[in-house]
Protein backbone atom coordinates (compact mmCIF):
# COMPACT_ATOMS: atom_id res chain seq x y z
CA MET A 1 6.14 2.64 -16.95
CA ILE A 2 5.05 -0.41 -16.27
CA GLU A 3 5.01 -2.94 -19.34
CA ARG A 4 1.64 -4.97 -20.09
CA PRO A 5 3.34 -8.80 -20.38
CA SER A 6 4.94 -8.31 -16.99
CA ALA A 7 2.27 -6.70 -15.35
CA ARG A 8 0.28 -9.49 -16.92
CA LEU A 9 2.81 -12.56 -15.97
CA ILE A 10 2.79 -10.65 -11.95
CA LEU A 11 -0.78 -10.08 -11.47
CA LEU A 12 -2.57 -12.49 -13.59
CA GLU A 13 -0.89 -15.55 -14.72
CA ALA A 14 1.30 -16.19 -11.57
CA VAL A 15 -0.83 -18.65 -10.21
CA SER A 16 0.11 -21.30 -13.12
CA LEU A 17 3.77 -20.68 -12.17
CA GLY A 18 3.56 -23.17 -8.85
CA PRO A 19 4.21 -22.33 -5.17
CA THR A 20 7.68 -21.13 -5.68
CA TYR A 21 6.83 -17.94 -7.94
CA GLN A 22 3.82 -17.32 -5.82
CA SER A 23 6.06 -17.46 -2.38
CA LYS A 24 8.60 -14.94 -4.24
CA ARG A 25 5.40 -12.59 -5.92
CA ALA A 26 4.29 -12.33 -2.31
CA GLU A 27 7.66 -11.91 -0.51
CA VAL A 28 8.30 -8.90 -2.90
CA ALA A 29 4.70 -7.70 -2.26
CA ASP A 30 5.14 -7.83 1.32
CA ARG A 31 8.26 -5.69 0.60
CA PHE A 32 6.61 -3.40 -1.03
CA ALA A 33 4.05 -2.76 1.55
CA ALA A 34 6.37 -2.71 4.37
CA LEU A 35 7.64 0.32 2.26
CA ILE A 36 4.60 2.03 1.65
CA GLN A 37 3.68 1.70 5.24
CA GLY A 38 6.89 2.94 6.82
CA TYR A 39 6.54 5.82 4.55
CA LEU A 40 2.57 6.35 5.92
CA ASP A 41 4.16 5.90 9.83
CA GLU A 42 6.84 8.51 9.23
CA ALA A 43 4.55 10.90 7.93
CA VAL A 44 2.01 10.13 11.17
CA ALA A 45 4.97 10.38 13.97
CA ASP A 46 6.21 13.77 11.78
CA GLY A 47 2.06 15.29 12.29
CA SER A 48 2.06 15.57 8.52
CA ILE A 49 -1.18 13.35 8.64
CA ALA A 50 -3.46 12.70 11.43
CA PRO A 51 -2.97 9.53 13.08
CA LEU A 52 -4.51 6.66 11.21
CA ASP A 53 -4.34 2.78 10.74
CA THR A 54 -1.52 2.88 8.77
CA ARG A 55 -1.57 -0.97 7.38
CA VAL A 56 -5.11 -1.00 6.25
CA ALA A 57 -4.05 2.48 4.58
CA THR A 58 -1.28 0.50 3.11
CA LEU A 59 -3.34 -2.55 1.86
CA ALA A 60 -6.23 0.37 0.50
CA TRP A 61 -3.65 1.87 -1.54
CA LEU A 62 -1.96 -1.53 -2.56
CA GLY A 63 -5.72 -2.59 -4.12
CA ALA A 64 -6.35 0.43 -6.01
CA VAL A 65 -3.14 0.16 -7.92
CA ASN A 66 -3.83 -3.36 -8.35
CA GLU A 67 -7.30 -2.49 -9.53
CA ILE A 68 -6.14 0.26 -11.94
CA VAL A 69 -3.41 -2.24 -13.08
CA ILE A 70 -5.87 -5.31 -13.79
CA ARG A 71 -8.29 -2.65 -15.49
CA TRP A 72 -5.37 -1.82 -17.67
CA LEU A 73 -4.46 -5.37 -18.74
CA ASP A 74 -8.17 -6.16 -19.42
CA GLY A 75 -8.38 -3.65 -21.98
CA SER A 76 -10.94 -1.86 -20.15
CA LEU A 77 -8.68 1.37 -19.08
CA ASP A 78 -6.61 2.46 -22.45
CA ASP A 79 -3.84 4.92 -21.25
CA PHE A 80 -2.36 3.55 -17.48
CA ALA A 81 -0.22 6.96 -17.50
CA ALA A 82 -2.96 9.15 -17.56
CA THR A 83 -4.72 7.36 -14.58
CA ILE A 84 -1.38 8.77 -12.53
CA PRO A 85 -2.24 12.07 -11.27
CA ALA A 86 -6.20 11.25 -10.59
CA LEU A 87 -5.30 8.09 -8.40
CA THR A 88 -2.47 9.86 -6.79
CA ARG A 89 -5.14 12.74 -5.78
CA VAL A 90 -7.42 9.89 -4.06
CA LEU A 91 -4.68 8.21 -2.61
CA LEU A 92 -3.25 11.24 -0.99
CA ARG A 93 -6.92 12.87 -0.45
CA SER A 94 -7.26 8.78 1.66
CA ILE A 95 -4.73 9.74 4.03
CA GLY A 96 -5.55 13.23 4.40
CA ALA A 97 -2.64 14.57 3.21
CA ARG A 98 -2.04 18.36 2.66
CA GLY A 99 -2.43 19.69 -0.82
CA ALA A 100 -4.30 16.48 -2.28
């Protein structure tokens, strides 16, 4: 489970840590994006989902997750874990996944 102090540092306070930290954070984010995009590319390739721009879908997914975490950090969302089922359904529907 994600921890508030770590998430706050990574998402909200990273700017104050300087360019070296920001570069490393961007590298990790890019690796995570590549992982998601790879899975989406595989799903397109094997016919599990219809062809789509997997890069755009990946960025949209990351943006959605980021917004949920930020809302949790600022206190406007109390229960992070409770959002996971609904968020999962929304993300899967966004790519036309079967059973979503």
